[in-house]
All heavy atoms as atom14 arrays in JSON, in Angstrom:
{
  "sequence": "DGRQVRKGAVDAVKKWVQAQGGVIPADLEAKGNAIASEGGTPLAVAV",
  "atom14_mask": [
    [1, 1, 1, 1, 1, 1, 1, 1, 0, 0, 0, 0, 0, 0],
    [1, 1, 1, 1, 0, 0, 0, 0, 0, 0, 0, 0, 0, 0],
    [1, 1, 1, 1, 1, 1, 1, 1, 1, 1, 1, 0, 0, 0],
    [1, 1, 1, 1, 1, 1, 1, 1, 1, 0, 0, 0, 0, 0],
    [1, 1, 1, 1, 1, 1, 1, 0, 0, 0, 0, 0, 0, 0],
    [1, 1, 1, 1, 1, 1, 1, 1, 1, 1, 1, 0, 0, 0],
    [1, 1, 1, 1, 1, 1, 1, 1, 1, 0, 0, 0, 0, 0],
    [1, 1, 1, 1, 0, 0, 0, 0, 0, 0, 0, 0, 0, 0],
    [1, 1, 1, 1, 1, 0, 0, 0, 0, 0, 0, 0, 0, 0],
    [1, 1, 1, 1, 1, 1, 1, 0, 0, 0, 0, 0, 0, 0],
    [1, 1, 1, 1, 1, 1, 1, 1, 0, 0, 0, 0, 0, 0],
    [1, 1, 1, 1, 1, 0, 0, 0, 0, 0, 0, 0, 0, 0],
    [1, 1, 1, 1, 1, 1, 1, 0, 0, 0, 0, 0, 0, 0],
    [1, 1, 1, 1, 1, 1, 1, 1, 1, 0, 0, 0, 0, 0],
    [1, 1, 1, 1, 1, 1, 1, 1, 1, 0, 0, 0, 0, 0],
    [1, 1, 1, 1, 1, 1, 1, 1, 1, 1, 1, 1, 1, 1],
    [1, 1, 1, 1, 1, 1, 1, 0, 0, 0, 0, 0, 0, 0],
    [1, 1, 1, 1, 1, 1, 1, 1, 1, 0, 0, 0, 0, 0],
    [1, 1, 1, 1, 1, 0, 0, 0, 0, 0, 0, 0, 0, 0],
    [1, 1, 1, 1, 1, 1, 1, 1, 1, 0, 0, 0, 0, 0],
    [1, 1, 1, 1, 0, 0, 0, 0, 0, 0, 0, 0, 0, 0],
    [1, 1, 1, 1, 0, 0, 0, 0, 0, 0, 0, 0, 0, 0],
    [1, 1, 1, 1, 1, 1, 1, 0, 0, 0, 0, 0, 0, 0],
    [1, 1, 1, 1, 1, 1, 1, 1, 0, 0, 0, 0, 0, 0],
    [1, 1, 1, 1, 1, 1, 1, 0, 0, 0, 0, 0, 0, 0],
    [1, 1, 1, 1, 1, 0, 0, 0, 0, 0, 0, 0, 0, 0],
    [1, 1, 1, 1, 1, 1, 1, 1, 0, 0, 0, 0, 0, 0],
    [1, 1, 1, 1, 1, 1, 1, 1, 0, 0, 0, 0, 0, 0],
    [1, 1, 1, 1, 1, 1, 1, 1, 1, 0, 0, 0, 0, 0],
    [1, 1, 1, 1, 1, 0, 0, 0, 0, 0, 0, 0, 0, 0],
    [1, 1, 1, 1, 1, 1, 1, 1, 1, 0, 0, 0, 0, 0],
    [1, 1, 1, 1, 0, 0, 0, 0, 0, 0, 0, 0, 0, 0],
    [1, 1, 1, 1, 1, 1, 1, 1, 0, 0, 0, 0, 0, 0],
    [1, 1, 1, 1, 1, 0, 0, 0, 0, 0, 0, 0, 0, 0],
    [1, 1, 1, 1, 1, 1, 1, 1, 0, 0, 0, 0, 0, 0],
    [1, 1, 1, 1, 1, 0, 0, 0, 0, 0, 0, 0, 0, 0],
    [1, 1, 1, 1, 1, 1, 0, 0, 0, 0, 0, 0, 0, 0],
    [1, 1, 1, 1, 1, 1, 1, 1, 1, 0, 0, 0, 0, 0],
    [1, 1, 1, 1, 0, 0, 0, 0, 0, 0, 0, 0, 0, 0],
    [1, 1, 1, 1, 0, 0, 0, 0, 0, 0, 0, 0, 0, 0],
    [1, 1, 1, 1, 1, 1, 1, 0, 0, 0, 0, 0, 0, 0],
    [1, 1, 1, 1, 1, 1, 1, 0, 0, 0, 0, 0, 0, 0],
    [1, 1, 1, 1, 1, 1, 1, 1, 0, 0, 0, 0, 0, 0],
    [1, 1, 1, 1, 1, 0, 0, 0, 0, 0, 0, 0, 0, 0],
    [1, 1, 1, 1, 1, 1, 1, 0, 0, 0, 0, 0, 0, 0],
    [1, 1, 1, 1, 1, 0, 0, 0, 0, 0, 0, 0, 0, 0],
    [1, 1, 1, 1, 1, 1, 1, 0, 0, 0, 0, 0, 0, 0]
  ],
  "atom14_positions": [
    [[19.25, -8.88, 6.25], [18.66, -9.67, 7.34], [17.4, -10.41, 6.92], [16.71, -11.02, 7.74], [18.36, -8.76, 8.54], [17.38, -7.64, 8.21], [16.78, -7.67, 7.1], [17.21, -6.72, 9.03], [0.0, 0.0, 0.0], [0.0, 0.0, 0.0], [0.0, 0.0, 0.0], [0.0, 0.0, 0.0], [0.0, 0.0, 0.0], [0.0, 0.0, 0.0]],
    [[17.07, -10.35, 5.61], [15.94, -11.11, 5.1], [14.66, -10.32, 4.95], [13.71, -10.77, 4.29], [0.0, 0.0, 0.0], [0.0, 0.0, 0.0], [0.0, 0.0, 0.0], [0.0, 0.0, 0.0], [0.0, 0.0, 0.0], [0.0, 0.0, 0.0], [0.0, 0.0, 0.0], [0.0, 0.0, 0.0], [0.0, 0.0, 0.0], [0.0, 0.0, 0.0]],
    [[14.6, -9.11, 5.55], [13.39, -8.32, 5.42], [13.28, -7.74, 4.01], [14.29, -7.39, 3.4], [13.36, -7.19, 6.46], [13.07, -7.66, 7.86], [13.07, -6.5, 8.85], [14.41, -5.91, 9.0], [14.67, -4.87, 9.8], [13.69, -4.34, 10.52], [15.9, -4.41, 9.89], [0.0, 0.0, 0.0], [0.0, 0.0, 0.0], [0.0, 0.0, 0.0]],
    [[12.05, -7.62, 3.53], [11.78, -7.08, 2.21], [10.98, -5.78, 2.33], [9.97, -5.74, 3.04], [11.0, -8.1, 1.37], [11.75, -9.39, 1.07], [10.9, -10.37, 0.29], [9.79, -10.7, 0.71], [11.42, -10.84, -0.84], [0.0, 0.0, 0.0], [0.0, 0.0, 0.0], [0.0, 0.0, 0.0], [0.0, 0.0, 0.0], [0.0, 0.0, 0.0]],
    [[11.45, -4.75, 1.65], [10.79, -3.43, 1.68], [10.33, -3.1, 0.27], [11.11, -3.23, -0.69], [11.75, -2.33, 2.2], [11.0, -1.0, 2.34], [12.38, -2.73, 3.52], [0.0, 0.0, 0.0], [0.0, 0.0, 0.0], [0.0, 0.0, 0.0], [0.0, 0.0, 0.0], [0.0, 0.0, 0.0], [0.0, 0.0, 0.0], [0.0, 0.0, 0.0]],
    [[9.07, -2.69, 0.16], [8.54, -2.35, -1.16], [7.85, -0.98, -1.12], [7.27, -0.58, -0.1], [7.54, -3.42, -1.62], [8.16, -4.77, -1.9], [9.08, -4.72, -3.09], [9.63, -6.04, -3.4], [10.78, -6.52, -2.93], [11.49, -5.78, -2.06], [11.2, -7.72, -3.27], [0.0, 0.0, 0.0], [0.0, 0.0, 0.0], [0.0, 0.0, 0.0]],
    [[7.91, -0.32, -2.25], [7.28, 1.01, -2.42], [6.69, 1.06, -3.82], [7.36, 0.74, -4.81], [8.34, 2.11, -2.26], [7.87, 3.51, -2.59], [9.04, 4.49, -2.57], [10.01, 4.18, -3.72], [11.18, 5.09, -3.72], [0.0, 0.0, 0.0], [0.0, 0.0, 0.0], [0.0, 0.0, 0.0], [0.0, 0.0, 0.0], [0.0, 0.0, 0.0]],
    [[5.41, 1.42, -3.95], [4.8, 1.45, -5.27], [3.33, 1.78, -5.23], [2.8, 2.26, -4.21], [0.0, 0.0, 0.0], [0.0, 0.0, 0.0], [0.0, 0.0, 0.0], [0.0, 0.0, 0.0], [0.0, 0.0, 0.0], [0.0, 0.0, 0.0], [0.0, 0.0, 0.0], [0.0, 0.0, 0.0], [0.0, 0.0, 0.0], [0.0, 0.0, 0.0]],
    [[2.65, 1.51, -6.36], [1.21, 1.76, -6.46], [0.48, 0.99, -5.37], [0.84, -0.15, -5.03], [0.71, 1.36, -7.84], [0.0, 0.0, 0.0], [0.0, 0.0, 0.0], [0.0, 0.0, 0.0], [0.0, 0.0, 0.0], [0.0, 0.0, 0.0], [0.0, 0.0, 0.0], [0.0, 0.0, 0.0], [0.0, 0.0, 0.0], [0.0, 0.0, 0.0]],
    [[-0.57, 1.62, -4.81], [-1.28, 1.03, -3.66], [-1.81, -0.36, -3.97], [-1.61, -1.31, -3.2], [-2.43, 1.96, -3.22], [-3.24, 1.29, -2.1], [-1.88, 3.29, -2.73], [0.0, 0.0, 0.0], [0.0, 0.0, 0.0], [0.0, 0.0, 0.0], [0.0, 0.0, 0.0], [0.0, 0.0, 0.0], [0.0, 0.0, 0.0], [0.0, 0.0, 0.0]],
    [[-2.49, -0.53, -5.12], [-3.06, -1.83, -5.43], [-1.98, -2.88, -5.65], [-2.14, -4.06, -5.29], [-3.99, -1.75, -6.64], [-3.28, -1.26, -7.88], [-2.24, -0.58, -7.74], [-3.75, -1.55, -9.0], [0.0, 0.0, 0.0], [0.0, 0.0, 0.0], [0.0, 0.0, 0.0], [0.0, 0.0, 0.0], [0.0, 0.0, 0.0], [0.0, 0.0, 0.0]],
    [[-0.84, -2.47, -6.23], [0.25, -3.41, -6.46], [0.87, -3.87, -5.15], [1.16, -5.07, -4.95], [1.32, -2.77, -7.35], [0.0, 0.0, 0.0], [0.0, 0.0, 0.0], [0.0, 0.0, 0.0], [0.0, 0.0, 0.0], [0.0, 0.0, 0.0], [0.0, 0.0, 0.0], [0.0, 0.0, 0.0], [0.0, 0.0, 0.0], [0.0, 0.0, 0.0]],
    [[1.08, -2.94, -4.22], [1.66, -3.29, -2.92], [0.68, -4.14, -2.11], [1.08, -5.08, -1.4], [2.06, -2.02, -2.15], [2.54, -2.37, -0.74], [3.16, -1.26, -2.9], [0.0, 0.0, 0.0], [0.0, 0.0, 0.0], [0.0, 0.0, 0.0], [0.0, 0.0, 0.0], [0.0, 0.0, 0.0], [0.0, 0.0, 0.0], [0.0, 0.0, 0.0]],
    [[-0.62, -3.83, -2.22], [-1.64, -4.63, -1.53], [-1.57, -6.1, -1.97], [-1.56, -7.02, -1.14], [-3.04, -4.07, -1.82], [-3.4, -2.84, -1.0], [-4.73, -2.24, -1.44], [-5.87, -3.22, -1.32], [-7.17, -2.61, -1.69], [0.0, 0.0, 0.0], [0.0, 0.0, 0.0], [0.0, 0.0, 0.0], [0.0, 0.0, 0.0], [0.0, 0.0, 0.0]],
    [[-1.48, -6.3, -3.28], [-1.41, -7.67, -3.81], [-0.15, -8.37, -3.32], [-0.17, -9.56, -3.0], [-1.46, -7.65, -5.33], [-2.81, -7.22, -5.9], [-2.79, -7.2, -7.42], [-4.13, -6.76, -7.99], [-4.12, -6.68, -9.47], [0.0, 0.0, 0.0], [0.0, 0.0, 0.0], [0.0, 0.0, 0.0], [0.0, 0.0, 0.0], [0.0, 0.0, 0.0]],
    [[0.93, -7.65, -3.26], [2.21, -8.23, -2.82], [2.13, -8.65, -1.36], [2.58, -9.74, -0.97], [3.33, -7.21, -3.04], [4.7, -7.71, -2.66], [5.5, -8.54, -3.39], [5.41, -7.41, -1.46], [6.67, -8.78, -2.72], [6.65, -8.1, -1.53], [5.13, -6.64, -0.33], [7.59, -8.03, -0.52], [6.08, -6.57, 0.68], [7.29, -7.26, 0.58]],
    [[1.55, -7.8, -0.53], [1.4, -8.11, 0.9], [0.45, -9.28, 1.11], [0.71, -10.2, 1.91], [0.91, -6.86, 1.67], [0.5, -7.23, 3.11], [1.99, -5.79, 1.7], [0.0, 0.0, 0.0], [0.0, 0.0, 0.0], [0.0, 0.0, 0.0], [0.0, 0.0, 0.0], [0.0, 0.0, 0.0], [0.0, 0.0, 0.0], [0.0, 0.0, 0.0]],
    [[-0.67, -9.26, 0.39], [-1.65, -10.35, 0.52], [-1.07, -11.68, 0.07], [-1.39, -12.74, 0.65], [-2.91, -10.01, -0.28], [-3.74, -8.89, 0.33], [-4.89, -8.44, -0.57], [-4.84, -8.62, -1.79], [-5.93, -7.87, 0.03], [0.0, 0.0, 0.0], [0.0, 0.0, 0.0], [0.0, 0.0, 0.0], [0.0, 0.0, 0.0], [0.0, 0.0, 0.0]],
    [[-0.21, -11.64, -0.96], [0.41, -12.87, -1.45], [1.31, -13.5, -0.39], [1.57, -14.71, -0.43], [1.21, -12.59, -2.72], [0.0, 0.0, 0.0], [0.0, 0.0, 0.0], [0.0, 0.0, 0.0], [0.0, 0.0, 0.0], [0.0, 0.0, 0.0], [0.0, 0.0, 0.0], [0.0, 0.0, 0.0], [0.0, 0.0, 0.0], [0.0, 0.0, 0.0]],
    [[1.77, -12.69, 0.57], [2.62, -13.21, 1.64], [1.83, -13.47, 2.92], [2.42, -13.77, 3.97], [3.75, -12.2, 1.94], [4.65, -11.96, 0.73], [5.82, -11.06, 1.08], [6.84, -11.54, 1.57], [5.65, -9.78, 0.86], [0.0, 0.0, 0.0], [0.0, 0.0, 0.0], [0.0, 0.0, 0.0], [0.0, 0.0, 0.0], [0.0, 0.0, 0.0]],
    [[0.51, -13.35, 2.81], [-0.33, -13.64, 3.98], [-0.53, -12.48, 4.91], [-0.99, -12.66, 6.05], [0.0, 0.0, 0.0], [0.0, 0.0, 0.0], [0.0, 0.0, 0.0], [0.0, 0.0, 0.0], [0.0, 0.0, 0.0], [0.0, 0.0, 0.0], [0.0, 0.0, 0.0], [0.0, 0.0, 0.0], [0.0, 0.0, 0.0], [0.0, 0.0, 0.0]],
    [[-0.18, -11.28, 4.46], [-0.35, -10.1, 5.3], [-1.78, -9.6, 5.33], [-2.61, -9.97, 4.51], [0.0, 0.0, 0.0], [0.0, 0.0, 0.0], [0.0, 0.0, 0.0], [0.0, 0.0, 0.0], [0.0, 0.0, 0.0], [0.0, 0.0, 0.0], [0.0, 0.0, 0.0], [0.0, 0.0, 0.0], [0.0, 0.0, 0.0], [0.0, 0.0, 0.0]],
    [[-2.05, -8.67, 6.29], [-3.37, -8.07, 6.46], [-3.32, -6.6, 6.02], [-2.38, -5.88, 6.37], [-3.85, -8.17, 7.92], [-5.22, -7.52, 8.09], [-3.9, -9.62, 8.37], [0.0, 0.0, 0.0], [0.0, 0.0, 0.0], [0.0, 0.0, 0.0], [0.0, 0.0, 0.0], [0.0, 0.0, 0.0], [0.0, 0.0, 0.0], [0.0, 0.0, 0.0]],
    [[-4.34, -6.16, 5.3], [-4.39, -4.78, 4.8], [-5.02, -3.88, 5.85], [-6.11, -4.18, 6.36], [-5.21, -4.71, 3.49], [-4.65, -5.71, 2.46], [-5.2, -3.29, 2.94], [-3.19, -5.51, 2.12], [0.0, 0.0, 0.0], [0.0, 0.0, 0.0], [0.0, 0.0, 0.0], [0.0, 0.0, 0.0], [0.0, 0.0, 0.0], [0.0, 0.0, 0.0]],
    [[-4.37, -2.78, 6.23], [-4.95, -1.86, 7.22], [-6.31, -1.34, 6.78], [-6.53, -1.07, 5.59], [-3.92, -0.72, 7.29], [-2.64, -1.34, 6.83], [-3.03, -2.35, 5.8], [0.0, 0.0, 0.0], [0.0, 0.0, 0.0], [0.0, 0.0, 0.0], [0.0, 0.0, 0.0], [0.0, 0.0, 0.0], [0.0, 0.0, 0.0], [0.0, 0.0, 0.0]],
    [[-7.22, -1.16, 7.71], [-8.59, -0.75, 7.4], [-8.66, 0.66, 6.82], [-9.56, 0.98, 6.04], [-9.44, -0.85, 8.67], [0.0, 0.0, 0.0], [0.0, 0.0, 0.0], [0.0, 0.0, 0.0], [0.0, 0.0, 0.0], [0.0, 0.0, 0.0], [0.0, 0.0, 0.0], [0.0, 0.0, 0.0], [0.0, 0.0, 0.0], [0.0, 0.0, 0.0]],
    [[-7.72, 1.53, 7.23], [-7.78, 2.94, 6.77], [-6.94, 3.21, 5.52], [-6.82, 4.35, 5.08], [-7.34, 3.88, 7.89], [-5.93, 3.56, 8.41], [-5.39, 2.5, 8.02], [-5.39, 4.36, 9.19], [0.0, 0.0, 0.0], [0.0, 0.0, 0.0], [0.0, 0.0, 0.0], [0.0, 0.0, 0.0], [0.0, 0.0, 0.0], [0.0, 0.0, 0.0]],
    [[-6.34, 2.18, 4.94], [-5.48, 2.37, 3.77], [-6.25, 2.94, 2.59], [-5.83, 3.92, 1.97], [-4.82, 1.04, 3.38], [-3.97, 1.08, 2.1], [-2.75, 1.98, 2.29], [-3.53, -0.33, 1.69], [0.0, 0.0, 0.0], [0.0, 0.0, 0.0], [0.0, 0.0, 0.0], [0.0, 0.0, 0.0], [0.0, 0.0, 0.0], [0.0, 0.0, 0.0]],
    [[-7.38, 2.33, 2.27], [-8.13, 2.75, 1.09], [-8.64, 4.18, 1.22], [-8.55, 4.97, 0.28], [-9.29, 1.79, 0.84], [-10.05, 2.09, -0.44], [-11.11, 1.05, -0.75], [-11.2, 0.05, 0.01], [-11.86, 1.23, -1.72], [0.0, 0.0, 0.0], [0.0, 0.0, 0.0], [0.0, 0.0, 0.0], [0.0, 0.0, 0.0], [0.0, 0.0, 0.0]],
    [[-9.16, 4.51, 2.39], [-9.72, 5.85, 2.6], [-8.64, 6.92, 2.48], [-8.84, 7.96, 1.83], [-10.39, 5.93, 3.98], [0.0, 0.0, 0.0], [0.0, 0.0, 0.0], [0.0, 0.0, 0.0], [0.0, 0.0, 0.0], [0.0, 0.0, 0.0], [0.0, 0.0, 0.0], [0.0, 0.0, 0.0], [0.0, 0.0, 0.0], [0.0, 0.0, 0.0]],
    [[-7.47, 6.68, 3.1], [-6.4, 7.67, 3.04], [-5.8, 7.76, 1.64], [-5.41, 8.84, 1.18], [-5.32, 7.34, 4.06], [-5.78, 7.55, 5.5], [-4.66, 7.34, 6.51], [-5.14, 7.65, 7.92], [-4.07, 7.46, 8.93], [0.0, 0.0, 0.0], [0.0, 0.0, 0.0], [0.0, 0.0, 0.0], [0.0, 0.0, 0.0], [0.0, 0.0, 0.0]],
    [[-5.75, 6.62, 0.95], [-5.26, 6.64, -0.44], [-6.19, 7.41, -1.34], [-5.76, 8.21, -2.19], [0.0, 0.0, 0.0], [0.0, 0.0, 0.0], [0.0, 0.0, 0.0], [0.0, 0.0, 0.0], [0.0, 0.0, 0.0], [0.0, 0.0, 0.0], [0.0, 0.0, 0.0], [0.0, 0.0, 0.0], [0.0, 0.0, 0.0], [0.0, 0.0, 0.0]],
    [[-7.51, 7.21, -1.16], [-8.5, 7.94, -1.96], [-8.47, 9.44, -1.67], [-8.7, 10.26, -2.56], [-9.9, 7.38, -1.71], [-10.08, 5.99, -2.3], [-9.34, 5.59, -3.2], [-11.05, 5.23, -1.79], [0.0, 0.0, 0.0], [0.0, 0.0, 0.0], [0.0, 0.0, 0.0], [0.0, 0.0, 0.0], [0.0, 0.0, 0.0], [0.0, 0.0, 0.0]],
    [[-8.21, 9.79, -0.42], [-8.15, 11.21, -0.05], [-7.0, 11.91, -0.78], [-7.15, 13.04, -1.27], [-7.98, 11.34, 1.46], [0.0, 0.0, 0.0], [0.0, 0.0, 0.0], [0.0, 0.0, 0.0], [0.0, 0.0, 0.0], [0.0, 0.0, 0.0], [0.0, 0.0, 0.0], [0.0, 0.0, 0.0], [0.0, 0.0, 0.0], [0.0, 0.0, 0.0]],
    [[-5.86, 11.24, -0.87], [-4.72, 11.81, -1.6], [-5.05, 11.94, -3.09], [-4.79, 12.97, -3.71], [-3.47, 10.93, -1.4], [-3.01, 10.99, 0.06], [-2.34, 11.37, -2.33], [-1.88, 10.03, 0.4], [0.0, 0.0, 0.0], [0.0, 0.0, 0.0], [0.0, 0.0, 0.0], [0.0, 0.0, 0.0], [0.0, 0.0, 0.0], [0.0, 0.0, 0.0]],
    [[-5.65, 10.89, -3.66], [-5.98, 10.9, -5.08], [-7.0, 11.98, -5.41], [-6.94, 12.61, -6.47], [-6.49, 9.53, -5.51], [0.0, 0.0, 0.0], [0.0, 0.0, 0.0], [0.0, 0.0, 0.0], [0.0, 0.0, 0.0], [0.0, 0.0, 0.0], [0.0, 0.0, 0.0], [0.0, 0.0, 0.0], [0.0, 0.0, 0.0], [0.0, 0.0, 0.0]],
    [[-7.98, 12.21, -4.5], [-9.01, 13.2, -4.76], [-8.46, 14.62, -4.8], [-9.06, 15.52, -5.36], [-10.1, 13.11, -3.68], [-9.6, 13.5, -2.42], [0.0, 0.0, 0.0], [0.0, 0.0, 0.0], [0.0, 0.0, 0.0], [0.0, 0.0, 0.0], [0.0, 0.0, 0.0], [0.0, 0.0, 0.0], [0.0, 0.0, 0.0], [0.0, 0.0, 0.0]],
    [[-7.31, 14.83, -4.19], [-6.66, 16.15, -4.2], [-5.68, 16.29, -5.35], [-4.94, 17.26, -5.44], [-5.93, 16.38, -2.87], [-6.86, 16.46, -1.67], [-6.11, 16.65, -0.38], [-4.86, 16.8, -0.43], [-6.74, 16.67, 0.69], [0.0, 0.0, 0.0], [0.0, 0.0, 0.0], [0.0, 0.0, 0.0], [0.0, 0.0, 0.0], [0.0, 0.0, 0.0]],
    [[-5.66, 15.27, -6.24], [-4.78, 15.34, -7.4], [-3.41, 14.78, -7.15], [-2.55, 14.84, -8.03], [0.0, 0.0, 0.0], [0.0, 0.0, 0.0], [0.0, 0.0, 0.0], [0.0, 0.0, 0.0], [0.0, 0.0, 0.0], [0.0, 0.0, 0.0], [0.0, 0.0, 0.0], [0.0, 0.0, 0.0], [0.0, 0.0, 0.0], [0.0, 0.0, 0.0]],
    [[-3.18, 14.21, -5.93], [-1.88, 13.64, -5.63], [-1.81, 12.17, -6.02], [-2.79, 11.58, -6.48], [0.0, 0.0, 0.0], [0.0, 0.0, 0.0], [0.0, 0.0, 0.0], [0.0, 0.0, 0.0], [0.0, 0.0, 0.0], [0.0, 0.0, 0.0], [0.0, 0.0, 0.0], [0.0, 0.0, 0.0], [0.0, 0.0, 0.0], [0.0, 0.0, 0.0]],
    [[-0.63, 11.6, -5.84], [-0.43, 10.18, -6.12], [0.02, 9.49, -4.84], [1.06, 9.84, -4.29], [0.64, 9.98, -7.21], [0.22, 10.64, -8.4], [0.85, 8.5, -7.49], [0.0, 0.0, 0.0], [0.0, 0.0, 0.0], [0.0, 0.0, 0.0], [0.0, 0.0, 0.0], [0.0, 0.0, 0.0], [0.0, 0.0, 0.0], [0.0, 0.0, 0.0]],
    [[-0.76, 8.49, -4.34], [-0.33, 7.77, -3.14], [0.57, 6.59, -3.5], [0.26, 5.81, -4.4], [-1.65, 7.29, -2.55], [-2.56, 7.12, -3.73], [-2.12, 8.13, -4.76], [0.0, 0.0, 0.0], [0.0, 0.0, 0.0], [0.0, 0.0, 0.0], [0.0, 0.0, 0.0], [0.0, 0.0, 0.0], [0.0, 0.0, 0.0], [0.0, 0.0, 0.0]],
    [[1.71, 6.49, -2.82], [2.58, 5.32, -2.95], [2.57, 4.59, -1.61], [2.82, 5.2, -0.56], [4.02, 5.73, -3.29], [4.3, 6.35, -4.66], [5.8, 6.6, -4.8], [3.81, 5.46, -5.77], [0.0, 0.0, 0.0], [0.0, 0.0, 0.0], [0.0, 0.0, 0.0], [0.0, 0.0, 0.0], [0.0, 0.0, 0.0], [0.0, 0.0, 0.0]],
    [[2.27, 3.3, -1.66], [2.25, 2.51, -0.42], [3.65, 2.03, -0.07], [4.45, 1.71, -0.97], [1.31, 1.32, -0.58], [0.0, 0.0, 0.0], [0.0, 0.0, 0.0], [0.0, 0.0, 0.0], [0.0, 0.0, 0.0], [0.0, 0.0, 0.0], [0.0, 0.0, 0.0], [0.0, 0.0, 0.0], [0.0, 0.0, 0.0], [0.0, 0.0, 0.0]],
    [[3.95, 1.97, 1.22], [5.23, 1.49, 1.72], [4.97, 0.28, 2.62], [4.17, 0.36, 3.57], [5.98, 2.57, 2.51], [7.31, 2.03, 3.03], [6.2, 3.81, 1.66], [0.0, 0.0, 0.0], [0.0, 0.0, 0.0], [0.0, 0.0, 0.0], [0.0, 0.0, 0.0], [0.0, 0.0, 0.0], [0.0, 0.0, 0.0], [0.0, 0.0, 0.0]],
    [[5.62, -0.84, 2.28], [5.39, -2.06, 3.04], [6.71, -2.7, 3.47], [7.71, -2.61, 2.75], [4.59, -3.06, 2.2], [0.0, 0.0, 0.0], [0.0, 0.0, 0.0], [0.0, 0.0, 0.0], [0.0, 0.0, 0.0], [0.0, 0.0, 0.0], [0.0, 0.0, 0.0], [0.0, 0.0, 0.0], [0.0, 0.0, 0.0], [0.0, 0.0, 0.0]],
    [[6.68, -3.32, 4.64], [7.81, -4.09, 5.14], [7.3, -5.5, 5.41], [6.43, -5.7, 6.27], [8.39, -3.48, 6.44], [9.62, -4.26, 6.88], [8.71, -2.01, 6.25], [0.0, 0.0, 0.0], [0.0, 0.0, 0.0], [0.0, 0.0, 0.0], [0.0, 0.0, 0.0], [0.0, 0.0, 0.0], [0.0, 0.0, 0.0], [0.0, 0.0, 0.0]]
  ]
}
């Protein structure tokens, strides 16, 4: 139906969304950093 779904590194997905004129959620960075600080890996999901 034309929709594009992406999953990957937070900074990579941010660049992809911004390249299409999208807006980055205000709490994305904080929640991503919280996962990383606990030793986890955050993967961003975008539509």
